[in-house]
N, C-alpha and C. Protein backbone atom coordinates (compact mmCIF):
# COMPACT_ATOMS: atom_id res chain seq x y z
N UNK A 1 0.61 -1.24 -0.06
CA UNK A 1 -0.01 -0.05 -0.02
C UNK A 1 1.03 1.48 0.07
N UNK A 2 1.79 0.86 0.89
CA UNK A 2 2.88 2.21 0.96
C UNK A 2 3.49 2.72 -0.38
N UNK A 3 3.77 1.65 -1.30
CA UNK A 3 4.50 1.95 -2.55
C UNK A 3 3.40 2.49 -3.39
N UNK A 4 2.43 2.29 -3.44
CA UNK A 4 1.33 2.70 -4.44
C UNK A 4 1.15 4.17 -4.13
N UNK A 5 1.08 4.59 -2.75
CA UNK A 5 0.86 5.82 -2.33
C UNK A 5 2.04 6.70 -2.61
N UNK A 6 3.24 6.03 -2.56
CA UNK A 6 4.66 6.83 -2.92
C UNK A 6 4.58 7.01 -4.40
N UNK A 7 4.28 6.12 -5.13
CA UNK A 7 4.30 6.63 -6.65
C UNK A 7 3.40 7.70 -6.82
N UNK A 8 1.97 7.53 -6.46
CA UNK A 8 1.01 8.52 -6.57
C UNK A 8 1.48 10.04 -6.13
N UNK A 9 2.25 9.91 -4.75
CA UNK A 9 2.79 11.04 -4.31
C UNK A 9 3.80 11.82 -5.28
N UNK A 10 4.44 10.68 -5.77
CA UNK A 10 5.73 11.43 -6.81
C UNK A 10 4.89 12.09 -8.05
N UNK A 11 3.86 11.54 -8.61
CA UNK A 11 3.47 11.91 -9.68
C UNK A 11 2.66 13.12 -9.44
N UNK A 12 1.83 13.30 -8.35
CA UNK A 12 1.17 14.51 -7.91
C UNK A 12 2.24 15.72 -7.86
N UNK A 13 3.33 15.36 -7.35
CA UNK A 13 4.23 16.39 -6.99
C UNK A 13 4.75 16.82 -8.36
N UNK A 14 4.99 16.06 -9.11
CA UNK A 14 5.73 16.47 -10.33
C UNK A 14 4.50 17.25 -11.29
N UNK A 15 3.27 16.85 -11.12
CA UNK A 15 2.44 17.58 -12.02
C UNK A 15 2.13 19.02 -11.18
N UNK A 16 2.03 18.87 -9.79
CA UNK A 16 1.69 20.13 -9.15
C UNK A 16 2.75 21.28 -9.36
N UNK A 17 4.08 20.87 -9.73
CA UNK A 17 5.44 21.66 -9.84
C UNK A 17 5.06 22.34 -11.28
N UNK A 18 4.71 21.40 -12.24
CA UNK A 18 4.46 21.67 -13.76
C UNK A 18 3.37 22.80 -13.72
N UNK A 19 2.46 22.53 -13.06
CA UNK A 19 1.29 23.51 -13.19
C UNK A 19 1.83 24.82 -12.43
N UNK A 20 2.55 24.91 -11.56
CA UNK A 20 2.92 26.20 -10.79
C UNK A 20 3.77 26.85 -11.80
N UNK A 21 4.71 26.15 -12.34
CA UNK A 21 5.68 26.67 -13.32
C UNK A 21 4.97 27.55 -14.61
N UNK A 22 3.78 26.75 -15.17
CA UNK A 22 3.05 27.28 -16.13
C UNK A 22 2.25 28.57 -15.82
N UNK A 23 2.13 28.85 -14.62
CA UNK A 23 1.25 29.96 -14.39
C UNK A 23 2.01 31.16 -14.59
N UNK A 24 1.44 32.38 -15.13
CA UNK A 24 2.26 33.73 -15.21
C UNK A 24 2.55 34.39 -13.75
N UNK A 25 3.61 35.01 -13.79
CA UNK A 25 4.00 36.00 -12.74
C UNK A 25 3.16 36.99 -12.49
N UNK A 26 2.76 37.33 -10.94
CA UNK A 26 1.69 38.31 -10.88
C UNK A 26 2.57 39.69 -10.09
N UNK A 27 3.56 39.64 -9.93
CA UNK A 27 4.25 40.71 -9.45
C UNK A 27 4.82 41.78 -10.38
N UNK A 28 4.48 42.95 -9.98
CA UNK A 28 4.78 44.27 -10.68
C UNK A 28 5.56 45.09 -10.12
N UNK A 29 6.43 44.61 -9.46
CA UNK A 29 7.32 45.33 -8.36
C UNK A 29 6.56 45.86 -7.03
N UNK A 30 6.92 46.74 -6.25
CA UNK A 30 6.33 47.21 -5.18
C UNK A 30 4.74 47.59 -5.25
N UNK A 31 4.96 48.51 -6.37
CA UNK A 31 3.41 48.95 -6.75
C UNK A 31 2.23 48.14 -6.93
N UNK A 32 2.81 46.86 -7.69
CA UNK A 32 1.92 45.49 -8.00
C UNK A 32 1.49 45.06 -6.81
N UNK A 33 2.37 44.92 -5.61
CA UNK A 33 2.34 44.15 -4.56
C UNK A 33 1.26 44.95 -3.74
N UNK A 34 1.51 46.35 -3.83
CA UNK A 34 0.58 46.85 -2.95
C UNK A 34 -1.18 47.01 -3.42
N UNK A 35 -1.11 47.45 -4.85
CA UNK A 35 -2.41 47.47 -5.38
C UNK A 35 -2.94 46.07 -5.76
N UNK A 36 -2.23 45.06 -5.88
CA UNK A 36 -2.63 43.40 -5.88
C UNK A 36 -3.49 43.37 -4.56
N UNK A 37 -2.91 43.63 -3.48
CA UNK A 37 -3.48 43.42 -2.27
C UNK A 37 -4.98 43.95 -2.07
N UNK A 38 -4.80 45.26 -2.68
CA UNK A 38 -5.98 46.04 -2.61
C UNK A 38 -7.01 45.45 -3.52
N UNK A 39 -7.06 44.89 -4.42
CA UNK A 39 -7.73 44.51 -5.42
C UNK A 39 -8.17 43.17 -4.91
N UNK A 40 -7.58 42.27 -4.36
CA UNK A 40 -8.07 41.33 -3.82
C UNK A 40 -8.85 41.48 -2.58
N UNK A 41 -8.56 42.43 -1.84
CA UNK A 41 -9.43 42.76 -0.79
C UNK A 41 -10.73 43.01 -0.95
N UNK A 42 -10.97 44.20 -2.34
CA UNK A 42 -12.13 44.66 -2.63
C UNK A 42 -12.91 43.71 -3.74
N UNK A 43 -12.44 42.53 -4.14
CA UNK A 43 -12.95 41.71 -4.80
C UNK A 43 -12.86 41.77 -6.29
N UNK A 44 -11.94 42.30 -6.67
CA UNK A 44 -11.49 42.44 -8.21
C UNK A 44 -10.84 41.12 -8.74
N UNK A 45 -11.48 40.56 -9.72
CA UNK A 45 -10.72 39.04 -10.12
C UNK A 45 -9.98 39.60 -11.25
N UNK A 46 -8.72 39.07 -11.27
CA UNK A 46 -7.72 39.07 -12.35
C UNK A 46 -7.73 37.98 -13.04
N UNK A 47 -8.25 36.71 -12.50
CA UNK A 47 -8.14 35.59 -13.25
C UNK A 47 -8.87 35.21 -14.27
N UNK A 48 -8.44 34.87 -15.57
CA UNK A 48 -9.11 34.67 -16.92
C UNK A 48 -8.54 33.53 -17.53
N UNK A 49 -9.71 32.92 -18.21
CA UNK A 49 -9.27 31.94 -19.17
C UNK A 49 -8.56 30.85 -18.75
N UNK A 50 -7.33 30.60 -19.28
CA UNK A 50 -6.16 29.49 -19.01
C UNK A 50 -5.99 29.99 -17.60
N UNK A 51 -5.35 30.99 -17.04
CA UNK A 51 -5.18 31.51 -15.76
C UNK A 51 -6.03 30.73 -14.72
N UNK A 52 -7.47 30.89 -15.07
CA UNK A 52 -8.57 30.27 -13.94
C UNK A 52 -8.20 28.78 -14.00
N UNK A 53 -8.06 28.14 -15.19
CA UNK A 53 -8.19 26.65 -15.17
C UNK A 53 -6.53 26.23 -14.55
N UNK A 54 -5.63 26.93 -14.59
CA UNK A 54 -4.39 26.56 -13.95
C UNK A 54 -4.64 26.99 -12.46
N UNK A 55 -4.95 27.82 -12.13
CA UNK A 55 -5.58 28.04 -10.66
C UNK A 55 -6.17 26.98 -9.91
N UNK A 56 -7.36 26.77 -10.60
CA UNK A 56 -7.97 25.71 -10.13
C UNK A 56 -7.25 24.20 -10.14
N UNK A 57 -6.55 23.96 -10.87
CA UNK A 57 -5.79 22.77 -11.25
C UNK A 57 -4.81 22.63 -10.08
N UNK A 58 -4.13 23.87 -9.76
CA UNK A 58 -3.44 23.99 -8.58
C UNK A 58 -3.96 23.87 -7.36
N UNK A 59 -5.18 24.17 -6.97
CA UNK A 59 -5.81 23.96 -6.03
C UNK A 59 -6.42 22.41 -5.86
N UNK A 60 -6.71 21.90 -6.93
CA UNK A 60 -7.10 20.28 -6.74
C UNK A 60 -6.05 19.52 -6.59
N UNK A 61 -4.74 19.76 -7.30
CA UNK A 61 -3.52 18.95 -7.05
C UNK A 61 -2.90 19.09 -5.70
N UNK A 62 -2.90 20.45 -5.22
CA UNK A 62 -2.34 20.47 -3.89
C UNK A 62 -3.07 19.70 -2.80
N UNK A 63 -4.56 19.77 -2.80
CA UNK A 63 -5.31 18.90 -1.85
C UNK A 63 -5.12 17.47 -2.22
N UNK A 64 -4.98 16.97 -3.35
CA UNK A 64 -4.44 15.60 -3.73
C UNK A 64 -3.08 15.17 -3.00
N UNK A 65 -2.06 15.93 -3.25
CA UNK A 65 -0.84 15.92 -2.78
C UNK A 65 -0.66 15.85 -1.12
N UNK A 66 -1.46 16.78 -0.66
CA UNK A 66 -1.47 16.93 0.74
C UNK A 66 -2.17 15.24 1.56
N UNK A 67 -3.35 15.15 0.85
CA UNK A 67 -4.14 14.08 1.26
C UNK A 67 -3.32 12.90 1.07
N UNK A 68 -2.66 12.64 0.09
CA UNK A 68 -1.79 11.69 -0.03
C UNK A 68 -0.76 11.60 0.75
N UNK A 69 -0.07 12.68 1.01
CA UNK A 69 0.93 12.78 2.06
C UNK A 69 0.45 12.27 3.80
N UNK A 70 -0.71 12.64 3.99
CA UNK A 70 -1.26 12.13 5.28
C UNK A 70 -1.51 10.78 5.17
N UNK A 71 -1.91 10.35 4.13
CA UNK A 71 -2.44 8.83 4.04
C UNK A 71 -1.04 8.19 4.10
N UNK A 72 0.10 8.59 3.36
CA UNK A 72 1.20 7.71 3.67
C UNK A 72 1.74 7.92 4.85
N UNK A 73 1.75 9.08 5.49
CA UNK A 73 2.17 8.98 6.94
C UNK A 73 1.31 8.00 7.87
N UNK A 74 -0.09 8.04 7.87
CA UNK A 74 -0.89 7.09 8.29
C UNK A 74 -0.54 5.74 8.31
N UNK A 75 -0.12 5.29 7.12
CA UNK A 75 0.16 3.70 6.73
C UNK A 75 1.55 3.37 7.04
N UNK A 76 2.44 4.45 7.43
CA UNK A 76 3.85 3.89 7.30
C UNK A 76 4.22 3.54 9.07
C-alpha cells in the first residue's frame, strides 16, 4: 500500500510543480504588490481563461498532494 501511495505522491508532486511553473508571474514590483492586495481585498478578479484553469488545477492538485501525504504517513 505504501508503494502505491508513494508513486501517486511523486506523480502528483511532478504535476503540481508543472502547473505552478506554467502560471504567469503576478508581481509588478512594489506597486503591484500594494495594488494587488487592495484588488483582492475589494474582490476584483484578475484571473481569466487559462489562468483560471491553472489556478483551479493547482488547488485540486495541492489537496490531492496533501491528502496522499497524510495517507502515506498514516500507513507507514
